Amino acid sequence: MRFYNALVPLVATVAALGIARVFTSEKYTIGYAIYGTLAAFGIVIPSALVLVAHREVQFPTLFETFRRLRLAKPRLAATLGTIVAAGLGVLTIHLALYPWPDITKEPTNYAGLDAKQAREKARVALGKSTTLRYSMQARGVDRVGDEDKEAWLVFFSESTDSGGFGACVVAVRKDSPPHVRGCSQ
């Protein structure tokens, strides 16, 4: 299959990235689009062409590359094979234990919610009519009665054309309704 060269999976993957970015900014969705397209056009379709249609694509597989390298330069092939095998092992563990090796960040679940859930709950608490926009969020403490409880503190702000400033803080926890504090517009 002369038209099926190494550019086909590359172009398809870049196109999938572009299309995914148009419709979403969610990193998981973009990742699914990239890796899914790469797997389909780089592995599944070429393998199906060989096995079912008895056609070959115009680029060698990783295994064929190593076979040729092993015949030409055995020592280099052994070293590269070890490096590739180690990298694939690390990749497998990384994908199975995601977000490893991200050991420097604190756990993303706080006050019973992850950051995205807290942000959405705070937006709902403000209502659709607000002109305030999401600014940032942090982990903090919210006073409920006589107790201090863990809560996401979600900040919203707006700079107006006249130089005024509107701001709002919403304390969000899973087990209670959000507390909206300091809203001014």
C-alpha atoms as a PDB file:
ATOM      1  CA  MET A   1       0.000   0.000   0.000  1.00  0.00           C
ATOM      2  CA  ARG A   2       2.084   2.848  -1.318  1.00  0.00           C
ATOM      3  CA  PHE A   3      -0.066   5.620   0.140  1.00  0.00           C
ATOM      4  CA  TYR A   4       0.120   4.219   3.696  1.00  0.00           C
ATOM      5  CA  ASN A   5       3.466   5.608   4.824  1.00  0.00           C
ATOM      6  CA  ALA A   6       4.631   6.918   8.200  1.00  0.00           C
ATOM      7  CA  LEU A   7       2.913  10.266   7.575  1.00  0.00           C
ATOM      8  CA  VAL A   8      -0.581   8.713   7.706  1.00  0.00           C
ATOM      9  CA  PRO A   9      -0.565   7.968  11.480  1.00  0.00           C
ATOM     10  CA  LEU A  10       1.258  11.225  12.177  1.00  0.00           C
ATOM     11  CA  VAL A  11      -1.173  13.398  10.188  1.00  0.00           C
ATOM     12  CA  ALA A  12      -4.196  11.536  11.596  1.00  0.00           C
ATOM     13  CA  THR A  13      -2.936  12.049  15.157  1.00  0.00           C
ATOM     14  CA  VAL A  14      -2.270  15.761  14.639  1.00  0.00           C
ATOM     15  CA  ALA A  15      -5.727  16.138  13.059  1.00  0.00           C
ATOM     16  CA  ALA A  16      -7.317  14.336  16.029  1.00  0.00           C
ATOM     17  CA  LEU A  17      -5.479  16.678  18.399  1.00  0.00           C
ATOM     18  CA  GLY A  18      -6.752  19.727  16.509  1.00  0.00           C
ATOM     19  CA  ILE A  19     -10.329  18.474  16.401  1.00  0.00           C
ATOM     20  CA  ALA A  20     -10.272  17.520  20.085  1.00  0.00           C
ATOM     21  CA  ARG A  21      -8.930  20.969  21.065  1.00  0.00           C
ATOM     22  CA  VAL A  22     -11.769  22.645  19.157  1.00  0.00           C
ATOM     23  CA  PHE A  23     -14.419  20.773  21.145  1.00  0.00           C
ATOM     24  CA  THR A  24     -12.836  20.481  24.603  1.00  0.00           C
ATOM     25  CA  SER A  25      -9.945  21.467  26.812  1.00  0.00           C
ATOM     26  CA  GLU A  26     -10.218  18.358  28.992  1.00  0.00           C
ATOM     27  CA  LYS A  27      -6.789  16.738  29.035  1.00  0.00           C
ATOM     28  CA  TYR A  28      -8.203  13.208  29.320  1.00  0.00           C
ATOM     29  CA  THR A  29     -10.430  13.627  26.270  1.00  0.00           C
ATOM     30  CA  ILE A  30      -7.553  15.077  24.268  1.00  0.00           C
ATOM     31  CA  GLY A  31      -5.326  12.221  25.423  1.00  0.00           C
ATOM     32  CA  TYR A  32      -7.927   9.643  24.374  1.00  0.00           C
ATOM     33  CA  ALA A  33      -8.147  11.274  20.945  1.00  0.00           C
ATOM     34  CA  ILE A  34      -4.370  11.361  20.469  1.00  0.00           C
ATOM     35  CA  TYR A  35      -3.552   7.879  21.758  1.00  0.00           C
ATOM     36  CA  GLY A  36      -6.654   6.302  20.213  1.00  0.00           C
ATOM     37  CA  THR A  37      -5.891   7.703  16.782  1.00  0.00           C
ATOM     38  CA  LEU A  38      -2.239   6.757  17.047  1.00  0.00           C
ATOM     39  CA  ALA A  39      -3.177   3.208  18.097  1.00  0.00           C
ATOM     40  CA  ALA A  40      -5.752   2.871  15.314  1.00  0.00           C
ATOM     41  CA  PHE A  41      -3.686   4.315  12.449  1.00  0.00           C
ATOM     42  CA  GLY A  42      -0.269   3.186  13.696  1.00  0.00           C
ATOM     43  CA  ILE A  43      -1.026  -0.317  15.011  1.00  0.00           C
ATOM     44  CA  VAL A  44      -4.536  -1.672  14.390  1.00  0.00           C
ATOM     45  CA  ILE A  45      -5.063  -0.687  10.742  1.00  0.00           C
ATOM     46  CA  PRO A  46      -1.525  -1.646   9.588  1.00  0.00           C
ATOM     47  CA  SER A  47      -1.840  -4.989  11.422  1.00  0.00           C
ATOM     48  CA  ALA A  48      -5.261  -5.623   9.906  1.00  0.00           C
ATOM     49  CA  LEU A  49      -3.927  -4.788   6.440  1.00  0.00           C
ATOM     50  CA  VAL A  50      -1.161  -7.374   6.868  1.00  0.00           C
ATOM     51  CA  LEU A  51      -3.318 -10.093   8.441  1.00  0.00           C
ATOM     52  CA  VAL A  52      -6.587  -9.712   6.520  1.00  0.00           C
ATOM     53  CA  ALA A  53      -5.791  -8.008   3.223  1.00  0.00           C
ATOM     54  CA  HIS A  54      -2.225  -9.352   2.893  1.00  0.00           C
ATOM     55  CA  ARG A  55      -0.981  -5.831   2.196  1.00  0.00           C
ATOM     56  CA  GLU A  56       1.956  -4.097   3.818  1.00  0.00           C
ATOM     57  CA  VAL A  57       2.291  -0.489   4.831  1.00  0.00           C
ATOM     58  CA  GLN A  58       5.350   1.523   3.773  1.00  0.00           C
ATOM     59  CA  PHE A  59       7.057   1.716   7.164  1.00  0.00           C
ATOM     60  CA  PRO A  60       8.683  -1.055   9.188  1.00  0.00           C
ATOM     61  CA  THR A  61       7.278  -2.044  12.544  1.00  0.00           C
ATOM     62  CA  LEU A  62       9.313  -1.589  15.705  1.00  0.00           C
ATOM     63  CA  PHE A  63      10.022  -5.327  15.762  1.00  0.00           C
ATOM     64  CA  GLU A  64      11.245  -5.323  12.158  1.00  0.00           C
ATOM     65  CA  THR A  65      13.503  -2.371  12.917  1.00  0.00           C
ATOM     66  CA  PHE A  66      15.048  -4.242  15.848  1.00  0.00           C
ATOM     67  CA  ARG A  67      15.424  -7.415  13.768  1.00  0.00           C
ATOM     68  CA  ARG A  68      17.341  -5.502  11.091  1.00  0.00           C
ATOM     69  CA  LEU A  69      19.432  -3.687  13.695  1.00  0.00           C
ATOM     70  CA  ARG A  70      20.225  -6.945  15.484  1.00  0.00           C
ATOM     71  CA  LEU A  71      21.545  -8.457  12.247  1.00  0.00           C
ATOM     72  CA  ALA A  72      23.655  -5.401  11.399  1.00  0.00           C
ATOM     73  CA  LYS A  73      24.940  -4.294  14.852  1.00  0.00           C
ATOM     74  CA  PRO A  74      24.212  -6.816  17.633  1.00  0.00           C
ATOM     75  CA  ARG A  75      25.739  -4.829  20.540  1.00  0.00           C
ATOM     76  CA  LEU A  76      23.928  -1.620  19.673  1.00  0.00           C
ATOM     77  CA  ALA A  77      20.711  -3.574  19.213  1.00  0.00           C
ATOM     78  CA  ALA A  78      21.037  -5.147  22.674  1.00  0.00           C
ATOM     79  CA  THR A  79      21.636  -1.754  24.309  1.00  0.00           C
ATOM     80  CA  LEU A  80      18.744  -0.081  22.486  1.00  0.00           C
ATOM     81  CA  GLY A  81      16.489  -3.052  23.181  1.00  0.00           C
ATOM     82  CA  THR A  82      17.201  -2.765  26.899  1.00  0.00           C
ATOM     83  CA  ILE A  83      16.512   0.980  26.860  1.00  0.00           C
ATOM     84  CA  VAL A  84      13.237   0.541  24.954  1.00  0.00           C
ATOM     85  CA  ALA A  85      12.120  -2.326  27.218  1.00  0.00           C
ATOM     86  CA  ALA A  86      12.870  -0.261  30.331  1.00  0.00           C
ATOM     87  CA  GLY A  87      10.996   2.726  28.894  1.00  0.00           C
ATOM     88  CA  LEU A  88       7.969   0.598  28.018  1.00  0.00           C
ATOM     89  CA  GLY A  89       8.026  -0.866  31.534  1.00  0.00           C
ATOM     90  CA  VAL A  90       8.020   2.616  33.085  1.00  0.00           C
ATOM     91  CA  LEU A  91       5.250   3.700  30.690  1.00  0.00           C
ATOM     92  CA  THR A  92       3.137   0.677  31.659  1.00  0.00           C
ATOM     93  CA  ILE A  93       3.523   1.409  35.367  1.00  0.00           C
ATOM     94  CA  HIS A  94       2.846   5.115  34.767  1.00  0.00           C
ATOM     95  CA  LEU A  95      -0.390   4.378  32.903  1.00  0.00           C
ATOM     96  CA  ALA A  96      -1.527   1.762  35.430  1.00  0.00           C
ATOM     97  CA  LEU A  97      -0.780   3.908  38.487  1.00  0.00           C
ATOM     98  CA  TYR A  98      -1.637   7.352  37.087  1.00  0.00           C
ATOM     99  CA  PRO A  99      -0.806  10.082  38.251  1.00  0.00           C
ATOM    100  CA  TRP A 100       2.513   8.455  39.192  1.00  0.00           C
ATOM    101  CA  PRO A 101       5.226   9.729  39.291  1.00  0.00           C
ATOM    102  CA  ASP A 102       3.497  12.987  40.252  1.00  0.00           C
ATOM    103  CA  ILE A 103       4.590  12.679  43.881  1.00  0.00           C
ATOM    104  CA  THR A 104       5.066  16.389  44.527  1.00  0.00           C
ATOM    105  CA  LYS A 105       1.385  17.313  44.389  1.00  0.00           C
ATOM    106  CA  GLU A 106      -1.002  16.903  47.248  1.00  0.00           C
ATOM    107  CA  PRO A 107      -3.982  14.575  46.721  1.00  0.00           C
ATOM    108  CA  THR A 108      -6.595  16.165  44.513  1.00  0.00           C
ATOM    109  CA  ASN A 109      -9.518  15.074  46.694  1.00  0.00           C
ATOM    110  CA  TYR A 110     -10.182  17.577  49.481  1.00  0.00           C
ATOM    111  CA  ALA A 111     -13.298  18.195  51.575  1.00  0.00           C
ATOM    112  CA  GLY A 112     -14.916  15.255  49.766  1.00  0.00           C
ATOM    113  CA  LEU A 113     -14.549  16.790  46.286  1.00  0.00           C
ATOM    114  CA  ASP A 114     -11.910  17.094  43.626  1.00  0.00           C
ATOM    115  CA  ALA A 115     -10.999  20.539  42.285  1.00  0.00           C
ATOM    116  CA  LYS A 116     -13.269  20.320  39.241  1.00  0.00           C
ATOM    117  CA  GLN A 117     -16.312  19.220  41.278  1.00  0.00           C
ATOM    118  CA  ALA A 118     -15.710  22.064  43.752  1.00  0.00           C
ATOM    119  CA  ARG A 119     -15.450  24.611  40.928  1.00  0.00           C
ATOM    120  CA  GLU A 120     -18.708  23.408  39.347  1.00  0.00           C
ATOM    121  CA  LYS A 121     -20.545  23.396  42.684  1.00  0.00           C
ATOM    122  CA  ALA A 122     -19.367  26.981  43.311  1.00  0.00           C
ATOM    123  CA  ARG A 123     -20.536  28.094  39.839  1.00  0.00           C
ATOM    124  CA  VAL A 124     -23.972  26.590  40.480  1.00  0.00           C
ATOM    125  CA  ALA A 125     -24.143  28.382  43.847  1.00  0.00           C
ATOM    126  CA  LEU A 126     -23.481  31.750  42.168  1.00  0.00           C
ATOM    127  CA  GLY A 127     -26.113  31.151  39.503  1.00  0.00           C
ATOM    128  CA  LYS A 128     -26.115  31.783  35.781  1.00  0.00           C
ATOM    129  CA  SER A 129     -26.860  35.491  36.081  1.00  0.00           C
ATOM    130  CA  THR A 130     -23.533  36.377  37.686  1.00  0.00           C
ATOM    131  CA  THR A 131     -20.970  38.294  35.680  1.00  0.00           C
ATOM    132  CA  LEU A 132     -18.129  37.122  37.908  1.00  0.00           C
ATOM    133  CA  ARG A 133     -15.645  34.731  36.327  1.00  0.00           C
ATOM    134  CA  TYR A 134     -13.643  31.965  37.930  1.00  0.00           C
ATOM    135  CA  SER A 135     -10.275  33.242  39.125  1.00  0.00           C
ATOM    136  CA  MET A 136      -8.594  30.536  41.227  1.00  0.00           C
ATOM    137  CA  GLN A 137      -9.175  28.098  44.022  1.00  0.00           C
ATOM    138  CA  ALA A 138      -7.306  26.853  47.055  1.00  0.00           C
ATOM    139  CA  ARG A 139      -7.704  24.444  49.914  1.00  0.00           C
ATOM    140  CA  GLY A 140      -8.749  26.121  53.106  1.00  0.00           C
ATOM    141  CA  VAL A 141     -11.021  26.080  56.126  1.00  0.00           C
ATOM    142  CA  ASP A 142     -14.636  27.221  56.429  1.00  0.00           C
ATOM    143  CA  ARG A 143     -16.270  28.016  59.748  1.00  0.00           C
ATOM    144  CA  VAL A 144     -19.554  26.144  60.136  1.00  0.00           C
ATOM    145  CA  GLY A 145     -21.219  27.031  63.439  1.00  0.00           C
ATOM    146  CA  ASP A 146     -18.486  26.624  66.029  1.00  0.00           C
ATOM    147  CA  GLU A 147     -16.388  24.265  63.911  1.00  0.00           C
ATOM    148  CA  ASP A 148     -13.709  24.799  61.318  1.00  0.00           C
ATOM    149  CA  LYS A 149     -14.067  22.328  58.443  1.00  0.00           C
ATOM    150  CA  GLU A 150     -11.974  21.652  55.375  1.00  0.00           C
ATOM    151  CA  ALA A 151     -13.361  23.351  52.278  1.00  0.00           C
ATOM    152  CA  TRP A 152     -12.339  24.375  48.791  1.00  0.00           C
ATOM    153  CA  LEU A 153     -12.192  28.170  48.577  1.00  0.00           C
ATOM    154  CA  VAL A 154     -13.208  29.103  45.035  1.00  0.00           C
ATOM    155  CA  PHE A 155     -12.540  32.701  44.035  1.00  0.00           C
ATOM    156  CA  PHE A 156     -14.425  34.628  41.367  1.00  0.00           C
ATOM    157  CA  SER A 157     -13.619  38.144  40.188  1.00  0.00           C
ATOM    158  CA  GLU A 158     -14.450  40.763  37.570  1.00  0.00           C
ATOM    159  CA  SER A 159     -12.746  43.943  36.522  1.00  0.00           C
ATOM    160  CA  THR A 160     -15.177  46.431  35.052  1.00  0.00           C
ATOM    161  CA  ASP A 161     -14.532  49.059  32.378  1.00  0.00           C
ATOM    162  CA  SER A 162     -15.093  51.837  34.913  1.00  0.00           C
ATOM    163  CA  GLY A 163     -12.249  50.594  37.095  1.00  0.00           C
ATOM    164  CA  GLY A 164     -14.519  48.911  39.619  1.00  0.00           C
ATOM    165  CA  PHE A 165     -13.895  45.453  40.887  1.00  0.00           C
ATOM    166  CA  GLY A 166     -16.294  42.683  41.841  1.00  0.00           C
ATOM    167  CA  ALA A 167     -15.201  39.667  43.838  1.00  0.00           C
ATOM    168  CA  CYS A 168     -16.610  36.637  45.537  1.00  0.00           C
ATOM    169  CA  VAL A 169     -15.378  33.646  47.540  1.00  0.00           C
ATOM    170  CA  VAL A 170     -17.359  30.430  47.688  1.00  0.00           C
ATOM    171  CA  ALA A 171     -16.479  27.822  50.317  1.00  0.00           C
ATOM    172  CA  VAL A 172     -17.400  24.372  49.000  1.00  0.00           C
ATOM    173  CA  ARG A 173     -17.645  21.037  50.827  1.00  0.00           C
ATOM    174  CA  LYS A 174     -19.283  17.792  49.802  1.00  0.00           C
ATOM    175  CA  ASP A 175     -21.482  17.416  52.890  1.00  0.00           C
ATOM    176  CA  SER A 176     -23.080  20.873  52.928  1.00  0.00           C
ATOM    177  CA  PRO A 177     -24.327  23.585  50.565  1.00  0.00           C
ATOM    178  CA  PRO A 178     -21.709  26.109  49.421  1.00  0.00           C
ATOM    179  CA  HIS A 179     -21.202  29.234  51.509  1.00  0.00           C
ATOM    180  CA  VAL A 180     -21.073  32.344  49.338  1.00  0.00           C
ATOM    181  CA  ARG A 181     -19.151  35.139  51.008  1.00  0.00           C
ATOM    182  CA  GLY A 182     -18.166  38.667  50.070  1.00  0.00           C
ATOM    183  CA  CYS A 183     -20.019  38.864  46.767  1.00  0.00           C
ATOM    184  CA  SER A 184     -20.235  42.367  45.382  1.00  0.00           C
ATOM    185  CA  GLN A 185     -21.038  43.345  41.832  1.00  0.00           C
END
